């Protein structure tokens, strides 16, 4: 079986595929059109997010048996088209869930304790203790929207902080780290909302003006899922009115599908507000991108492919 690596991943995946007898080739730089011309020769492809795998892309992949995505989400792939062609999809949320959980925790702790702002002030010669008095995470009620690999990892990270952790998702069940709840109950009780959902039509702008209005208490937002889960305009309005007390954003609505860049044109007004707000902490879509997760993503994919093709 021939496999084309369209994006670079940890070499352990290629090493293990070769041990299984697969022939591996790479093309990390060619454009979409060139890659499409190569596809008929391959039975597997390995991707991250560089090229959108839509119906037109798949129509030329006459022999394609699987797509392995080094990451959690599959929104860059036309799932219906892949299913119709009998193409198996592999993703690896197990590989970066711990990284996402720790990043989510780190962001809210940093925001609560003004660590980024205090660090900048000290470097500029300011020593302001009272202005940098923080809040404790202990005793807070946290609502986790989406309780798959990422949500569960975050809940586990919270387990030492004496928090009440509530989860909401249609298929969720309670475990030792969180209690299944209704969305209404979360909106009545939570002081922190953390998003860990996949992105699709049902989660587009999940946090909008209506969601903000239904929150009984002023609250903090964490988003390490996908940028379009939050309607930025509603977030900014909530921050301005103090209904939203702060936001930890690893992802932004303005990101391109490749996740590598933000803007092709001028910076939107709402984003200007975010980057100038002391109530907002930002990171460049790296919650699941650690040195450890880089290897684990490839190991998970190798395990899944081996399990399917070793039978």
Protein backbone atom coordinates (compact mmCIF):
# COMPACT_ATOMS: atom_id res chain seq x y z
CA UNK A 1 0.00 0.00 0.00
CA UNK A 2 1.29 3.46 -0.94
CA UNK A 3 0.78 6.39 1.43
CA UNK A 4 1.32 10.07 0.64
CA UNK A 5 2.25 12.42 3.48
CA UNK A 6 0.80 15.81 2.50
CA UNK A 7 1.80 17.46 5.79
CA UNK A 8 4.75 16.81 8.06
CA UNK A 9 4.07 14.79 11.21
CA UNK A 10 6.23 13.06 13.78
CA UNK A 11 8.40 10.46 11.97
CA UNK A 12 7.24 7.64 14.23
CA UNK A 13 4.14 7.29 12.04
CA UNK A 14 6.13 6.73 8.86
CA UNK A 15 8.52 4.40 10.67
CA UNK A 16 5.67 2.23 11.88
CA UNK A 17 3.88 2.24 8.52
CA UNK A 18 7.06 1.05 6.85
CA UNK A 19 7.34 -1.73 9.41
CA UNK A 20 3.85 -2.78 8.30
CA UNK A 21 5.07 -2.92 4.69
CA UNK A 22 3.61 0.41 3.51
CA UNK A 23 5.50 2.50 0.94
CA UNK A 24 5.62 6.15 2.06
CA UNK A 25 6.20 9.30 0.03
CA UNK A 26 6.07 13.00 0.97
CA UNK A 27 4.93 16.20 -0.67
CA UNK A 28 4.77 19.02 1.85
CA UNK A 29 4.99 21.93 -0.59
CA UNK A 30 3.00 21.28 -3.77
CA UNK A 31 -0.27 23.12 -4.28
CA UNK A 32 -3.68 21.49 -4.25
CA UNK A 33 -3.82 20.94 -8.02
CA UNK A 34 -0.48 19.12 -8.07
CA UNK A 35 -1.46 16.94 -5.11
CA UNK A 36 -4.75 16.02 -6.83
CA UNK A 37 -2.82 14.80 -9.88
CA UNK A 38 -0.77 12.49 -7.67
CA UNK A 39 -3.69 11.01 -5.74
CA UNK A 40 -4.63 8.16 -8.13
CA UNK A 41 -1.37 6.40 -7.22
CA UNK A 42 -2.03 6.29 -3.47
CA UNK A 43 -4.19 4.21 -1.15
CA UNK A 44 -3.61 6.35 1.94
CA UNK A 45 -2.90 9.98 2.74
CA UNK A 46 -1.64 11.65 5.93
CA UNK A 47 -2.74 15.23 6.51
CA UNK A 48 -2.92 18.00 9.06
CA UNK A 49 -4.76 21.05 7.70
CA UNK A 50 -2.84 22.47 4.75
CA UNK A 51 -5.23 21.31 2.01
CA UNK A 52 -9.01 21.01 2.17
CA UNK A 53 -10.14 17.46 1.40
CA UNK A 54 -13.46 18.07 -0.36
CA UNK A 55 -15.47 16.12 -2.90
CA UNK A 56 -13.46 17.42 -5.86
CA UNK A 57 -10.24 16.41 -4.13
CA UNK A 58 -11.51 12.91 -3.37
CA UNK A 59 -12.96 12.33 -6.85
CA UNK A 60 -9.45 11.84 -8.23
CA UNK A 61 -8.39 9.49 -5.44
CA UNK A 62 -9.55 6.34 -7.20
CA UNK A 63 -7.64 3.91 -4.96
CA UNK A 64 -7.83 5.82 -1.66
CA UNK A 65 -8.65 3.57 1.28
CA UNK A 66 -7.88 5.82 4.26
CA UNK A 67 -7.18 9.36 5.38
CA UNK A 68 -5.15 9.82 8.57
CA UNK A 69 -5.40 13.27 10.13
CA UNK A 70 -2.79 14.22 12.71
CA UNK A 71 -5.18 16.07 14.99
CA UNK A 72 -8.63 15.85 16.51
CA UNK A 73 -11.06 17.63 14.18
CA UNK A 74 -12.22 16.45 10.77
CA UNK A 75 -13.91 19.65 9.58
CA UNK A 76 -11.44 20.04 6.69
CA UNK A 77 -12.70 16.77 5.22
CA UNK A 78 -15.96 16.24 3.32
CA UNK A 79 -17.21 13.42 5.51
CA UNK A 80 -20.17 12.52 3.28
CA UNK A 81 -17.99 12.27 0.17
CA UNK A 82 -15.46 10.12 2.02
CA UNK A 83 -18.20 7.83 3.33
CA UNK A 84 -19.72 7.38 -0.15
CA UNK A 85 -16.34 6.33 -1.49
CA UNK A 86 -15.76 3.91 1.39
CA UNK A 87 -12.73 5.82 2.66
CA UNK A 88 -11.86 5.18 6.28
CA UNK A 89 -11.05 8.23 8.41
CA UNK A 90 -8.53 8.19 11.23
CA UNK A 91 -8.06 11.06 13.67
CA UNK A 92 -6.11 11.24 16.92
CA UNK A 93 -7.88 13.20 19.67
CA UNK A 94 -6.38 10.82 22.21
CA UNK A 95 -2.95 12.15 21.23
CA UNK A 96 -3.42 15.77 22.25
CA UNK A 97 -6.22 15.69 24.81
CA UNK A 98 -3.84 16.05 27.78
CA UNK A 99 -2.19 19.03 26.13
CA UNK A 100 -5.58 20.71 25.63
CA UNK A 101 -6.63 20.01 29.21
CA UNK A 102 -3.44 21.48 30.64
CA UNK A 103 -3.53 24.50 28.31
CA UNK A 104 -7.13 25.27 29.28
CA UNK A 105 -6.22 25.09 32.94
CA UNK A 106 -3.10 27.19 32.43
CA UNK A 107 -5.01 29.92 30.62
CA UNK A 108 -7.71 30.36 33.25
CA UNK A 109 -5.16 30.31 36.09
CA UNK A 110 -3.08 32.92 34.27
CA UNK A 111 -6.12 35.12 33.65
CA UNK A 112 -7.37 34.79 37.24
CA UNK A 113 -3.96 35.76 38.60
CA UNK A 114 -3.12 38.40 35.95
CA UNK A 115 0.19 36.65 35.34
CA UNK A 116 0.74 37.94 31.82
CA UNK A 117 -0.11 41.53 32.75
CA UNK A 118 1.92 41.46 35.98
CA UNK A 119 4.94 40.07 34.14
CA UNK A 120 4.76 42.87 31.56
CA UNK A 121 4.41 45.51 34.29
CA UNK A 122 7.43 44.30 36.24
CA UNK A 123 9.53 44.24 33.07
CA UNK A 124 8.58 47.88 32.52
CA UNK A 125 9.53 48.86 36.07
CA UNK A 126 6.08 48.77 37.69
CA UNK A 127 5.50 46.98 41.01
CA UNK A 128 1.75 46.91 41.64
CA UNK A 129 0.65 44.34 44.17
CA UNK A 130 -2.92 45.43 44.89
CA UNK A 131 -3.75 45.96 41.20
CA UNK A 132 -2.66 42.38 40.54
CA UNK A 133 -4.63 40.71 43.32
CA UNK A 134 -5.96 37.48 41.82
CA UNK A 135 -8.92 35.14 42.17
CA UNK A 136 -8.88 31.50 43.23
CA UNK A 137 -10.21 28.76 40.99
CA UNK A 138 -11.21 26.72 44.03
CA UNK A 139 -14.93 26.80 44.77
CA UNK A 140 -15.96 27.92 41.28
CA UNK A 141 -18.60 26.14 39.16
CA UNK A 142 -17.34 25.30 35.69
CA UNK A 143 -19.53 24.30 32.76
CA UNK A 144 -17.83 22.19 30.11
CA UNK A 145 -19.66 22.22 26.78
CA UNK A 146 -18.65 19.07 24.95
CA UNK A 147 -17.37 16.14 27.00
CA UNK A 148 -15.30 14.03 24.64
CA UNK A 149 -11.55 13.52 24.84
CA UNK A 150 -10.73 17.20 25.38
CA UNK A 151 -13.50 18.03 27.83
CA UNK A 152 -12.73 14.98 29.95
CA UNK A 153 -9.03 15.82 30.02
CA UNK A 154 -9.82 19.35 31.24
CA UNK A 155 -12.18 18.02 33.92
CA UNK A 156 -9.47 15.65 35.15
CA UNK A 157 -7.00 18.56 35.34
CA UNK A 158 -9.55 20.45 37.46
CA UNK A 159 -9.97 17.59 39.91
CA UNK A 160 -7.48 18.98 42.42
CA UNK A 161 -9.09 22.42 42.64
CA UNK A 162 -12.28 21.69 44.58
CA UNK A 163 -14.52 22.93 41.76
CA UNK A 164 -18.00 21.85 40.79
CA UNK A 165 -17.67 20.65 37.20
CA UNK A 166 -20.84 20.28 35.09
CA UNK A 167 -20.90 18.92 31.55
CA UNK A 168 -23.32 19.21 28.71
CA UNK A 169 -23.50 17.18 25.51
CA UNK A 170 -26.14 14.84 24.13
CA UNK A 171 -24.07 11.70 24.58
CA UNK A 172 -22.28 12.69 27.78
CA UNK A 173 -22.28 10.65 30.93
CA UNK A 174 -21.07 11.54 34.40
CA UNK A 175 -17.72 10.27 35.65
CA UNK A 176 -15.45 10.84 38.64
CA UNK A 177 -14.47 14.29 37.40
CA UNK A 178 -17.73 15.87 36.22
CA UNK A 179 -21.48 15.63 36.49
CA UNK A 180 -23.79 15.50 33.50
CA UNK A 181 -26.10 18.50 33.44
CA UNK A 182 -28.62 20.33 31.29
CA UNK A 183 -27.52 23.43 29.45
CA UNK A 184 -30.07 25.42 31.43
CA UNK A 185 -28.57 24.26 34.71
CA UNK A 186 -25.08 25.20 33.54
CA UNK A 187 -26.29 28.64 32.51
CA UNK A 188 -27.90 29.07 35.94
CA UNK A 189 -24.89 27.98 37.98
CA UNK A 190 -21.60 28.28 36.08
CA UNK A 191 -19.06 31.04 36.58
CA UNK A 192 -16.76 29.65 33.89
CA UNK A 193 -17.75 28.15 30.52
CA UNK A 194 -15.21 26.07 28.60
CA UNK A 195 -15.84 24.89 25.04
CA UNK A 196 -14.55 21.49 23.90
CA UNK A 197 -16.91 20.72 21.02
CA UNK A 198 -16.09 19.73 17.45
CA UNK A 199 -17.02 22.33 14.85
CA UNK A 200 -20.03 21.75 12.61
CA UNK A 201 -23.34 23.45 11.82
CA UNK A 202 -24.72 22.61 15.26
CA UNK A 203 -21.86 24.32 17.10
CA UNK A 204 -21.42 27.36 14.83
CA UNK A 205 -21.73 30.48 17.03
CA UNK A 206 -22.78 28.34 20.00
CA UNK A 207 -21.92 31.27 22.19
CA UNK A 208 -23.98 34.11 20.73
CA UNK A 209 -25.99 37.00 22.18
CA UNK A 210 -28.73 34.65 23.35
CA UNK A 211 -26.28 32.35 25.15
CA UNK A 212 -24.72 35.31 26.96
CA UNK A 213 -28.11 36.68 28.01
CA UNK A 214 -29.16 33.32 29.47
CA UNK A 215 -26.16 33.17 31.81
CA UNK A 216 -27.43 33.99 35.31
CA UNK A 217 -24.04 35.11 36.64
CA UNK A 218 -21.24 37.13 35.04
CA UNK A 219 -18.83 34.52 33.73
CA UNK A 220 -15.49 33.71 32.15
CA UNK A 221 -15.07 31.95 28.78
CA UNK A 222 -12.43 29.45 27.68
CA UNK A 223 -12.27 28.34 24.04
CA UNK A 224 -9.70 25.78 22.95
CA UNK A 225 -12.08 24.12 20.46
CA UNK A 226 -12.64 26.04 17.21
CA UNK A 227 -12.89 29.77 16.73
CA UNK A 228 -16.29 29.81 15.06
CA UNK A 229 -17.89 28.18 18.11
CA UNK A 230 -17.93 31.71 19.54
CA UNK A 231 -19.53 34.68 17.81
CA UNK A 232 -16.87 37.32 18.35
CA UNK A 233 -19.30 40.23 18.25
CA UNK A 234 -21.36 38.67 21.05
CA UNK A 235 -18.19 38.01 23.05
CA UNK A 236 -17.02 41.62 22.71
CA UNK A 237 -20.44 42.97 23.66
CA UNK A 238 -20.44 40.71 26.71
CA UNK A 239 -16.98 41.91 27.74
CA UNK A 240 -18.00 45.55 27.34
CA UNK A 241 -21.13 45.05 29.48
CA UNK A 242 -19.19 42.99 32.08
CA UNK A 243 -21.58 40.07 31.66
CA UNK A 244 -18.43 38.29 30.43
CA UNK A 245 -15.67 38.92 32.97
CA UNK A 246 -12.82 37.59 30.87
CA UNK A 247 -11.92 35.29 27.99
CA UNK A 248 -9.17 32.74 27.36
CA UNK A 249 -8.98 32.21 23.60
CA UNK A 250 -6.64 29.74 21.94
CA UNK A 251 -8.74 29.89 18.78
CA UNK A 252 -10.38 32.76 16.90
CA UNK A 253 -13.33 33.09 14.56
CA UNK A 254 -11.05 34.79 12.03
CA UNK A 255 -8.67 31.87 11.54
CA UNK A 256 -8.32 30.38 8.10
CA UNK A 257 -9.13 26.71 7.68
CA UNK A 258 -5.41 25.90 7.67
CA UNK A 259 -5.15 27.32 11.22
CA UNK A 260 -1.83 28.92 10.28
CA UNK A 261 -2.89 32.52 9.67
CA UNK A 262 -5.47 35.06 10.76
CA UNK A 263 -6.20 37.69 8.18
CA UNK A 264 -5.88 38.29 4.48
CA UNK A 265 -7.11 41.88 4.76
CA UNK A 266 -7.37 44.43 7.56
CA UNK A 267 -7.83 43.44 11.19
CA UNK A 268 -11.53 43.43 12.22
CA UNK A 269 -12.71 45.97 14.77
CA UNK A 270 -13.82 43.31 17.25
CA UNK A 271 -10.41 41.68 17.17
CA UNK A 272 -8.79 45.04 17.83
CA UNK A 273 -10.88 45.19 20.99
CA UNK A 274 -9.75 41.71 22.07
CA UNK A 275 -6.04 42.36 21.62
CA UNK A 276 -6.28 45.58 23.63
CA UNK A 277 -8.42 44.23 26.47
CA UNK A 278 -6.72 43.31 29.76
CA UNK A 279 -9.60 40.88 30.31
CA UNK A 280 -8.54 38.70 27.37
CA UNK A 281 -5.74 36.13 27.17
CA UNK A 282 -4.77 34.86 23.71
CA UNK A 283 -2.65 32.03 22.30
CA UNK A 284 -2.13 31.01 18.63
CA UNK A 285 -4.10 27.74 18.36
CA UNK A 286 -1.49 25.75 20.25
CA UNK A 287 -3.55 24.19 23.06
CA UNK A 288 -3.07 20.72 21.62
CA UNK A 289 0.39 21.36 20.21
CA UNK A 290 3.08 20.32 22.68
CA UNK A 291 6.36 18.49 22.15
CA UNK A 292 4.74 15.43 23.70
CA UNK A 293 1.50 15.60 21.72
CA UNK A 294 3.43 15.88 18.44
CA UNK A 295 4.69 12.34 18.96
CA UNK A 296 1.53 11.00 20.58
CA UNK A 297 -0.64 12.10 17.64
CA UNK A 298 1.45 9.99 15.28
CA UNK A 299 1.56 7.06 17.68
CA UNK A 300 -2.22 7.03 18.02
CA UNK A 301 -2.68 7.10 14.25
CA UNK A 302 -0.17 4.27 13.83
CA UNK A 303 -2.03 2.20 16.44
CA UNK A 304 -5.37 2.69 14.67
CA UNK A 305 -4.03 1.96 11.20
CA UNK A 306 -2.17 -1.10 12.43
CA UNK A 307 -5.30 -2.39 14.16
CA UNK A 308 -7.31 -2.08 10.96
CA UNK A 309 -4.78 -3.48 8.49
CA UNK A 310 -3.07 -6.15 10.56
CA UNK A 311 -6.17 -8.36 10.57
